[in-house]
Amino acid sequence: MKSPLIAAALFSVLAPAAALASQDCPNVPRDQWMSDAAIMEKAKSLGYDVRSIKVDDGCAEAYALDKGGKRVEVYFHPGTGDVVKVKADD
């Protein structure tokens, strides 16, 4: 009888943590974001040729060309400038 109760308790603790871990970009207040110019500089230092920047799902998203000239979307953490993910443009 204790097994279902323990499973329910674990699920209630672990499910919110899993949901938070799946988010690509955190909820950072807009006044703590890096400027577009700083994001562009960060992207350039990583070898990207940035064409434009926009906000997408809490990330600073740069549309750019990689070192090989392929179009990519680079998602940056808005507060730290760390690359969250890179998506090849189809």
PDB file of N, CA and C in Angstrom:
ATOM      1  N   MET A   1       0.819  -1.196   0.000  1.00  0.00           N
ATOM      2  CA  MET A   1       0.000   0.000   0.000  1.00  0.00           C
ATOM      3  C   MET A   1       0.860   1.255   0.000  1.00  0.00           C
ATOM      4  N   LYS A   2       2.046   1.181   0.563  1.00  0.00           N
ATOM      5  CA  LYS A   2       2.885   2.374   0.646  1.00  0.00           C
ATOM      6  C   LYS A   2       3.506   2.728  -0.704  1.00  0.00           C
ATOM      7  N   SER A   3       3.683   1.747  -1.555  1.00  0.00           N
ATOM      8  CA  SER A   3       4.338   1.961  -2.832  1.00  0.00           C
ATOM      9  C   SER A   3       3.655   3.028  -3.698  1.00  0.00           C
ATOM     10  N   PRO A   4       2.325   3.010  -3.911  1.00  0.00           N
ATOM     11  CA  PRO A   4       1.688   4.062  -4.708  1.00  0.00           C
ATOM     12  C   PRO A   4       1.824   5.436  -4.058  1.00  0.00           C
ATOM     13  N   LEU A   5       1.795   5.475  -2.742  1.00  0.00           N
ATOM     14  CA  LEU A   5       1.924   6.750  -2.032  1.00  0.00           C
ATOM     15  C   LEU A   5       3.324   7.329  -2.221  1.00  0.00           C
ATOM     16  N   ILE A   6       4.327   6.469  -2.143  1.00  0.00           N
ATOM     17  CA  ILE A   6       5.711   6.914  -2.337  1.00  0.00           C
ATOM     18  C   ILE A   6       5.910   7.385  -3.778  1.00  0.00           C
ATOM     19  N   ALA A   7       5.368   6.640  -4.729  1.00  0.00           N
ATOM     20  CA  ALA A   7       5.496   7.023  -6.143  1.00  0.00           C
ATOM     21  C   ALA A   7       4.837   8.374  -6.395  1.00  0.00           C
ATOM     22  N   ALA A   8       3.659   8.587  -5.822  1.00  0.00           N
ATOM     23  CA  ALA A   8       2.964   9.869  -5.992  1.00  0.00           C
ATOM     24  C   ALA A   8       3.763  11.007  -5.374  1.00  0.00           C
ATOM     25  N   ALA A   9       4.363  10.764  -4.216  1.00  0.00           N
ATOM     26  CA  ALA A   9       5.159  11.790  -3.551  1.00  0.00           C
ATOM     27  C   ALA A   9       6.398  12.129  -4.378  1.00  0.00           C
ATOM     28  N   LEU A  10       7.065  11.115  -4.908  1.00  0.00           N
ATOM     29  CA  LEU A  10       8.245  11.358  -5.745  1.00  0.00           C
ATOM     30  C   LEU A  10       7.886  12.118  -7.019  1.00  0.00           C
ATOM     31  N   PHE A  11       6.776  11.741  -7.632  1.00  0.00           N
ATOM     32  CA  PHE A  11       6.348  12.417  -8.854  1.00  0.00           C
ATOM     33  C   PHE A  11       6.071  13.888  -8.580  1.00  0.00           C
ATOM     34  N   SER A  12       5.427  14.193  -7.455  1.00  0.00           N
ATOM     35  CA  SER A  12       5.097  15.588  -7.151  1.00  0.00           C
ATOM     36  C   SER A  12       6.346  16.417  -6.902  1.00  0.00           C
ATOM     37  N   VAL A  13       7.423  15.782  -6.489  1.00  0.00           N
ATOM     38  CA  VAL A  13       8.680  16.499  -6.255  1.00  0.00           C
ATOM     39  C   VAL A  13       9.500  16.590  -7.539  1.00  0.00           C
ATOM     40  N   LEU A  14       9.564  15.502  -8.297  1.00  0.00           N
ATOM     41  CA  LEU A  14      10.434  15.458  -9.473  1.00  0.00           C
ATOM     42  C   LEU A  14       9.827  16.077 -10.722  1.00  0.00           C
ATOM     43  N   ALA A  15       8.537  16.057 -10.896  1.00  0.00           N
ATOM     44  CA  ALA A  15       7.907  16.589 -12.106  1.00  0.00           C
ATOM     45  C   ALA A  15       8.181  18.070 -12.306  1.00  0.00           C
ATOM     46  N   PRO A  16       8.034  18.927 -11.285  1.00  0.00           N
ATOM     47  CA  PRO A  16       8.361  20.345 -11.507  1.00  0.00           C
ATOM     48  C   PRO A  16       9.826  20.558 -11.856  1.00  0.00           C
ATOM     49  N   ALA A  17      10.721  19.798 -11.259  1.00  0.00           N
ATOM     50  CA  ALA A  17      12.145  19.936 -11.567  1.00  0.00           C
ATOM     51  C   ALA A  17      12.423  19.554 -13.015  1.00  0.00           C
ATOM     52  N   ALA A  18      11.779  18.520 -13.496  1.00  0.00           N
ATOM     53  CA  ALA A  18      11.962  18.103 -14.887  1.00  0.00           C
ATOM     54  C   ALA A  18      11.435  19.166 -15.840  1.00  0.00           C
ATOM     55  N   ALA A  19      10.326  19.778 -15.491  1.00  0.00           N
ATOM     56  CA  ALA A  19       9.770  20.829 -16.345  1.00  0.00           C
ATOM     57  C   ALA A  19      10.714  22.012 -16.420  1.00  0.00           C
ATOM     58  N   LEU A  20      11.306  22.378 -15.314  1.00  0.00           N
ATOM     59  CA  LEU A  20      12.243  23.499 -15.322  1.00  0.00           C
ATOM     60  C   LEU A  20      13.497  23.156 -16.111  1.00  0.00           C
ATOM     61  N   ALA A  21      13.956  21.939 -16.016  1.00  0.00           N
ATOM     62  CA  ALA A  21      15.174  21.538 -16.714  1.00  0.00           C
ATOM     63  C   ALA A  21      14.985  21.521 -18.214  1.00  0.00           C
ATOM     64  N   SER A  22      13.753  21.406 -18.693  1.00  0.00           N
ATOM     65  CA  SER A  22      13.526  21.334 -20.125  1.00  0.00           C
ATOM     66  C   SER A  22      13.477  22.713 -20.782  1.00  0.00           C
ATOM     67  N   GLN A  23      13.418  23.759 -19.995  1.00  0.00           N
ATOM     68  CA  GLN A  23      13.384  25.100 -20.562  1.00  0.00           C
ATOM     69  C   GLN A  23      14.772  25.466 -21.075  1.00  0.00           C
ATOM     70  N   ASP A  24      14.823  26.037 -22.274  1.00  0.00           N
ATOM     71  CA  ASP A  24      16.112  26.414 -22.841  1.00  0.00           C
ATOM     72  C   ASP A  24      16.651  27.696 -22.233  1.00  0.00           C
ATOM     73  N   CYS A  25      15.778  28.671 -22.067  1.00  0.00           N
ATOM     74  CA  CYS A  25      16.212  29.945 -21.509  1.00  0.00           C
ATOM     75  C   CYS A  25      15.442  30.253 -20.233  1.00  0.00           C
ATOM     76  N   PRO A  26      16.140  30.762 -19.248  1.00  0.00           N
ATOM     77  CA  PRO A  26      15.496  31.068 -17.979  1.00  0.00           C
ATOM     78  C   PRO A  26      14.691  32.356 -18.065  1.00  0.00           C
ATOM     79  N   ASN A  27      13.901  32.589 -17.072  1.00  0.00           N
ATOM     80  CA  ASN A  27      13.114  33.813 -16.990  1.00  0.00           C
ATOM     81  C   ASN A  27      13.990  34.899 -16.358  1.00  0.00           C
ATOM     82  N   VAL A  28      14.666  35.671 -17.183  1.00  0.00           N
ATOM     83  CA  VAL A  28      15.553  36.733 -16.719  1.00  0.00           C
ATOM     84  C   VAL A  28      14.859  38.073 -16.948  1.00  0.00           C
ATOM     85  N   PRO A  29      14.789  38.924 -15.909  1.00  0.00           N
ATOM     86  CA  PRO A  29      14.164  40.241 -16.117  1.00  0.00           C
ATOM     87  C   PRO A  29      14.842  40.999 -17.253  1.00  0.00           C
ATOM     88  N   ARG A  30      14.046  41.661 -18.049  1.00  0.00           N
ATOM     89  CA  ARG A  30      14.545  42.340 -19.263  1.00  0.00           C
ATOM     90  C   ARG A  30      15.660  43.350 -18.949  1.00  0.00           C
ATOM     91  N   ASP A  31      15.607  43.989 -17.781  1.00  0.00           N
ATOM     92  CA  ASP A  31      16.645  44.975 -17.449  1.00  0.00           C
ATOM     93  C   ASP A  31      17.996  44.326 -17.122  1.00  0.00           C
ATOM     94  N   GLN A  32      18.035  42.998 -17.037  1.00  0.00           N
ATOM     95  CA  GLN A  32      19.282  42.280 -16.783  1.00  0.00           C
ATOM     96  C   GLN A  32      19.830  41.610 -18.042  1.00  0.00           C
ATOM     97  N   TRP A  33      19.185  41.861 -19.165  1.00  0.00           N
ATOM     98  CA  TRP A  33      19.628  41.266 -20.430  1.00  0.00           C
ATOM     99  C   TRP A  33      20.855  41.996 -20.962  1.00  0.00           C
ATOM    100  N   MET A  34      21.666  41.261 -21.678  1.00  0.00           N
ATOM    101  CA  MET A  34      22.775  41.867 -22.413  1.00  0.00           C
ATOM    102  C   MET A  34      22.175  42.646 -23.584  1.00  0.00           C
ATOM    103  N   SER A  35      22.881  43.659 -24.029  1.00  0.00           N
ATOM    104  CA  SER A  35      22.412  44.436 -25.177  1.00  0.00           C
ATOM    105  C   SER A  35      22.580  43.623 -26.460  1.00  0.00           C
ATOM    106  N   ASP A  36      21.853  44.035 -27.491  1.00  0.00           N
ATOM    107  CA  ASP A  36      21.996  43.368 -28.795  1.00  0.00           C
ATOM    108  C   ASP A  36      23.435  43.463 -29.278  1.00  0.00           C
ATOM    109  N   ALA A  37      24.070  44.614 -29.042  1.00  0.00           N
ATOM    110  CA  ALA A  37      25.461  44.799 -29.471  1.00  0.00           C
ATOM    111  C   ALA A  37      26.388  43.809 -28.757  1.00  0.00           C
ATOM    112  N   ALA A  38      26.141  43.573 -27.467  1.00  0.00           N
ATOM    113  CA  ALA A  38      26.970  42.628 -26.716  1.00  0.00           C
ATOM    114  C   ALA A  38      26.750  41.201 -27.206  1.00  0.00           C
ATOM    115  N   ILE A  39      25.506  40.870 -27.523  1.00  0.00           N
ATOM    116  CA  ILE A  39      25.208  39.539 -28.071  1.00  0.00           C
ATOM    117  C   ILE A  39      25.888  39.380 -29.424  1.00  0.00           C
ATOM    118  N   MET A  40      25.853  40.425 -30.247  1.00  0.00           N
ATOM    119  CA  MET A  40      26.518  40.366 -31.565  1.00  0.00           C
ATOM    120  C   MET A  40      28.016  40.147 -31.400  1.00  0.00           C
ATOM    121  N   GLU A  41      28.628  40.850 -30.460  1.00  0.00           N
ATOM    122  CA  GLU A  41      30.061  40.688 -30.217  1.00  0.00           C
ATOM    123  C   GLU A  41      30.388  39.275 -29.746  1.00  0.00           C
ATOM    124  N   LYS A  42      29.541  38.741 -28.864  1.00  0.00           N
ATOM    125  CA  LYS A  42      29.729  37.377 -28.380  1.00  0.00           C
ATOM    126  C   LYS A  42      29.642  36.398 -29.546  1.00  0.00           C
ATOM    127  N   ALA A  43      28.645  36.582 -30.411  1.00  0.00           N
ATOM    128  CA  ALA A  43      28.473  35.704 -31.570  1.00  0.00           C
ATOM    129  C   ALA A  43      29.675  35.803 -32.505  1.00  0.00           C
ATOM    130  N   LYS A  44      30.139  37.019 -32.757  1.00  0.00           N
ATOM    131  CA  LYS A  44      31.300  37.205 -33.630  1.00  0.00           C
ATOM    132  C   LYS A  44      32.536  36.522 -33.057  1.00  0.00           C
ATOM    133  N   SER A  45      32.688  36.601 -31.730  1.00  0.00           N
ATOM    134  CA  SER A  45      33.852  35.970 -31.102  1.00  0.00           C
ATOM    135  C   SER A  45      33.803  34.445 -31.230  1.00  0.00           C
ATOM    136  N   LEU A  46      32.614  33.906 -31.459  1.00  0.00           N
ATOM    137  CA  LEU A  46      32.445  32.465 -31.645  1.00  0.00           C
ATOM    138  C   LEU A  46      32.474  32.065 -33.122  1.00  0.00           C
ATOM    139  N   GLY A  47      32.682  33.045 -34.005  1.00  0.00           N
ATOM    140  CA  GLY A  47      32.811  32.754 -35.427  1.00  0.00           C
ATOM    141  C   GLY A  47      31.540  32.889 -36.246  1.00  0.00           C
ATOM    142  N   TYR A  48      30.493  33.468 -35.680  1.00  0.00           N
ATOM    143  CA  TYR A  48      29.236  33.649 -36.406  1.00  0.00           C
ATOM    144  C   TYR A  48      29.178  35.028 -37.054  1.00  0.00           C
ATOM    145  N   ASP A  49      28.614  35.091 -38.249  1.00  0.00           N
ATOM    146  CA  ASP A  49      28.368  36.342 -38.949  1.00  0.00           C
ATOM    147  C   ASP A  49      26.876  36.649 -38.774  1.00  0.00           C
ATOM    148  N   VAL A  50      26.559  37.520 -37.822  1.00  0.00           N
ATOM    149  CA  VAL A  50      25.173  37.781 -37.431  1.00  0.00           C
ATOM    150  C   VAL A  50      24.486  38.683 -38.440  1.00  0.00           C
ATOM    151  N   ARG A  51      23.283  38.262 -38.847  1.00  0.00           N
ATOM    152  CA  ARG A  51      22.451  39.048 -39.762  1.00  0.00           C
ATOM    153  C   ARG A  51      21.389  39.834 -39.009  1.00  0.00           C
ATOM    154  N   SER A  52      20.812  39.224 -37.956  1.00  0.00           N
ATOM    155  CA  SER A  52      19.813  39.921 -37.140  1.00  0.00           C
ATOM    156  C   SER A  52      19.654  39.204 -35.803  1.00  0.00           C
ATOM    157  N   ILE A  53      19.057  39.924 -34.861  1.00  0.00           N
ATOM    158  CA  ILE A  53      18.799  39.377 -33.527  1.00  0.00           C
ATOM    159  C   ILE A  53      17.352  39.673 -33.170  1.00  0.00           C
ATOM    160  N   LYS A  54      16.708  38.693 -32.545  1.00  0.00           N
ATOM    161  CA  LYS A  54      15.353  38.892 -32.036  1.00  0.00           C
ATOM    162  C   LYS A  54      15.202  38.106 -30.737  1.00  0.00           C
ATOM    163  N   VAL A  55      14.099  38.316 -30.059  1.00  0.00           N
ATOM    164  CA  VAL A  55      13.799  37.585 -28.837  1.00  0.00           C
ATOM    165  C   VAL A  55      12.864  36.435 -29.187  1.00  0.00           C
ATOM    166  N   ASP A  56      13.203  35.229 -28.696  1.00  0.00           N
ATOM    167  CA  ASP A  56      12.360  34.062 -28.954  1.00  0.00           C
ATOM    168  C   ASP A  56      12.378  33.159 -27.728  1.00  0.00           C
ATOM    169  N   ASP A  57      11.227  32.954 -27.116  1.00  0.00           N
ATOM    170  CA  ASP A  57      11.076  32.077 -25.953  1.00  0.00           C
ATOM    171  C   ASP A  57      12.062  32.409 -24.833  1.00  0.00           C
ATOM    172  N   GLY A  58      12.284  33.691 -24.596  1.00  0.00           N
ATOM    173  CA  GLY A  58      13.161  34.104 -23.507  1.00  0.00           C
ATOM    174  C   GLY A  58      14.627  34.113 -23.845  1.00  0.00           C
ATOM    175  N   CYS A  59      14.975  33.753 -25.067  1.00  0.00           N
ATOM    176  CA  CYS A  59      16.373  33.765 -25.510  1.00  0.00           C
ATOM    177  C   CYS A  59      16.615  34.949 -26.440  1.00  0.00           C
ATOM    178  N   ALA A  60      17.853  35.346 -26.531  1.00  0.00           N
ATOM    179  CA  ALA A  60      18.265  36.255 -27.590  1.00  0.00           C
ATOM    180  C   ALA A  60      18.660  35.345 -28.747  1.00  0.00           C
ATOM    181  N   GLU A  61      17.934  35.440 -29.848  1.00  0.00           N
ATOM    182  CA  GLU A  61      18.148  34.551 -30.981  1.00  0.00           C
ATOM    183  C   GLU A  61      18.828  35.309 -32.103  1.00  0.00           C
ATOM    184  N   ALA A  62      19.992  34.828 -32.501  1.00  0.00           N
ATOM    185  CA  ALA A  62      20.736  35.454 -33.588  1.00  0.00           C
ATOM    186  C   ALA A  62      20.596  34.612 -34.850  1.00  0.00           C
ATOM    187  N   TYR A  63      20.183  35.271 -35.925  1.00  0.00           N
ATOM    188  CA  TYR A  63      20.185  34.630 -37.240  1.00  0.00           C
ATOM    189  C   TYR A  63      21.549  34.946 -37.832  1.00  0.00           C
ATOM    190  N   ALA A  64      22.285  33.903 -38.190  1.00  0.00           N
ATOM    191  CA  ALA A  64      23.675  34.114 -38.574  1.00  0.00           C
ATOM    192  C   ALA A  64      24.134  33.072 -39.579  1.00  0.00           C
ATOM    193  N   LEU A  65      25.348  33.284 -40.053  1.00  0.00           N
ATOM    194  CA  LEU A  65      26.054  32.307 -40.873  1.00  0.00           C
ATOM    195  C   LEU A  65      27.179  31.743 -40.023  1.00  0.00           C
ATOM    196  N   ASP A  66      27.349  30.409 -40.056  1.00  0.00           N
ATOM    197  CA  ASP A  66      28.450  29.829 -39.295  1.00  0.00           C
ATOM    198  C   ASP A  66      29.749  29.949 -40.100  1.00  0.00           C
ATOM    199  N   LYS A  67      30.810  29.392 -39.576  1.00  0.00           N
ATOM    200  CA  LYS A  67      32.124  29.500 -40.227  1.00  0.00           C
ATOM    201  C   LYS A  67      32.140  28.908 -41.631  1.00  0.00           C
ATOM    202  N   GLY A  68      31.254  27.938 -41.883  1.00  0.00           N
ATOM    203  CA  GLY A  68      31.175  27.311 -43.198  1.00  0.00           C
ATOM    204  C   GLY A  68      30.193  27.984 -44.139  1.00  0.00           C
ATOM    205  N   GLY A  69      29.569  29.089 -43.681  1.00  0.00           N
ATOM    206  CA  GLY A  69      28.617  29.816 -44.510  1.00  0.00           C
ATOM    207  C   GLY A  69      27.199  29.285 -44.445  1.00  0.00           C
ATOM    208  N   LYS A  70      26.955  28.307 -43.569  1.00  0.00           N
ATOM    209  CA  LYS A  70      25.616  27.739 -43.423  1.00  0.00           C
ATOM    210  C   LYS A  70      24.773  28.620 -42.505  1.00  0.00           C
ATOM    211  N   ARG A  71      23.481  28.809 -42.879  1.00  0.00           N
ATOM    212  CA  ARG A  71      22.578  29.615 -42.056  1.00  0.00           C
ATOM    213  C   ARG A  71      22.210  28.858 -40.780  1.00  0.00           C
ATOM    214  N   VAL A  72      22.311  29.539 -39.655  1.00  0.00           N
ATOM    215  CA  VAL A  72      21.989  28.948 -38.362  1.00  0.00           C
ATOM    216  C   VAL A  72      21.218  29.949 -37.505  1.00  0.00           C
ATOM    217  N   GLU A  73      20.535  29.417 -36.514  1.00  0.00           N
ATOM    218  CA  GLU A  73      19.913  30.222 -35.481  1.00  0.00           C
ATOM    219  C   GLU A  73      20.640  29.877 -34.188  1.00  0.00           C
ATOM    220  N   VAL A  74      21.231  30.876 -33.561  1.00  0.00           N
ATOM    221  CA  VAL A  74      21.993  30.666 -32.335  1.00  0.00           C
ATOM    222  C   VAL A  74      21.217  31.307 -31.196  1.00  0.00           C
ATOM    223  N   TYR A  75      20.881  30.502 -30.183  1.00  0.00           N
ATOM    224  CA  TYR A  75      20.117  30.980 -29.042  1.00  0.00           C
ATOM    225  C   TYR A  75      21.073  31.258 -27.884  1.00  0.00           C
ATOM    226  N   PHE A  76      21.030  32.484 -27.382  1.00  0.00           N
ATOM    227  CA  PHE A  76      21.905  32.896 -26.298  1.00  0.00           C
ATOM    228  C   PHE A  76      21.114  33.117 -25.017  1.00  0.00           C
ATOM    229  N   HIS A  77      21.721  32.737 -23.886  1.00  0.00           N
ATOM    230  CA  HIS A  77      21.157  33.075 -22.578  1.00  0.00           C
ATOM    231  C   HIS A  77      21.175  34.594 -22.507  1.00  0.00           C
ATOM    232  N   PRO A  78      20.033  35.226 -22.220  1.00  0.00           N
ATOM    233  CA  PRO A  78      19.964  36.686 -22.294  1.00  0.00           C
ATOM    234  C   PRO A  78      20.782  37.428 -21.243  1.00  0.00           C
ATOM    235  N   GLY A  79      21.083  36.776 -20.131  1.00  0.00           N
ATOM    236  CA  GLY A  79      21.832  37.445 -19.072  1.00  0.00           C
ATOM    237  C   GLY A  79      23.321  37.203 -19.121  1.00  0.00           C
ATOM    238  N   THR A  80      23.729  36.002 -19.552  1.00  0.00           N
ATOM    239  CA  THR A  80      25.146  35.641 -19.540  1.00  0.00           C
ATOM    240  C   THR A  80      25.784  35.636 -20.923  1.00  0.00           C
ATOM    241  N   GLY A  81      24.970  35.482 -21.959  1.00  0.00           N
ATOM    242  CA  GLY A  81      25.508  35.399 -23.311  1.00  0.00           C
ATOM    243  C   GLY A  81      25.992  34.006 -23.679  1.00  0.00           C
ATOM    244  N   ASP A  82      25.783  33.038 -22.798  1.00  0.00           N
ATOM    245  CA  ASP A  82      26.178  31.664 -23.109  1.00  0.00           C
ATOM    246  C   ASP A  82      25.266  31.103 -24.208  1.00  0.00           C
ATOM    247  N   VAL A  83      25.836  30.282 -25.082  1.00  0.00           N
ATOM    248  CA  VAL A  83      25.042  29.656 -26.133  1.00  0.00           C
ATOM    249  C   VAL A  83      24.197  28.562 -25.502  1.00  0.00           C
ATOM    250  N   VAL A  84      22.897  28.638 -25.734  1.00  0.00           N
ATOM    251  CA  VAL A  84      21.963  27.654 -25.211  1.00  0.00           C
ATOM    252  C   VAL A  84      21.778  26.520 -26.211  1.00  0.00           C
ATOM    253  N   LYS A  85      21.616  26.889 -27.484  1.00  0.00           N
ATOM    254  CA  LYS A  85      21.515  25.879 -28.536  1.00  0.00           C
ATOM    255  C   LYS A  85      21.785  26.543 -29.875  1.00  0.00           C
ATOM    256  N   VAL A  86      22.131  25.712 -30.837  1.00  0.00           N
ATOM    257  CA  VAL A  86      22.347  26.154 -32.216  1.00  0.00           C
ATOM    258  C   VAL A  86      21.485  25.270 -33.089  1.00  0.00           C
ATOM    259  N   LYS A  87      20.727  25.907 -33.949  1.00  0.00           N
ATOM    260  CA  LYS A  87      19.811  25.180 -34.839  1.00  0.00           C
ATOM    261  C   LYS A  87      20.161  25.516 -36.274  1.00  0.00           C
ATOM    262  N   ALA A  88      20.430  24.500 -37.077  1.00  0.00           N
ATOM    263  CA  ALA A  88      20.720  24.712 -38.499  1.00  0.00           C
ATOM    264  C   ALA A  88      19.420  25.120 -39.195  1.00  0.00           C
ATOM    265  N   ASP A  89      19.505  26.127 -40.037  1.00  0.00           N
ATOM    266  CA  ASP A  89      18.337  26.610 -40.775  1.00  0.00           C
ATOM    267  C   ASP A  89      18.143  25.707 -41.978  1.00  0.00           C
ATOM    268  N   ASP A  90      16.932  25.177 -42.116  1.00  0.00           N
ATOM    269  CA  ASP A  90      16.640  24.262 -43.229  1.00  0.00           C
ATOM    270  C   ASP A  90      16.324  24.979 -44.505  1.00  0.00           C
TER     271      ASP A  90
END
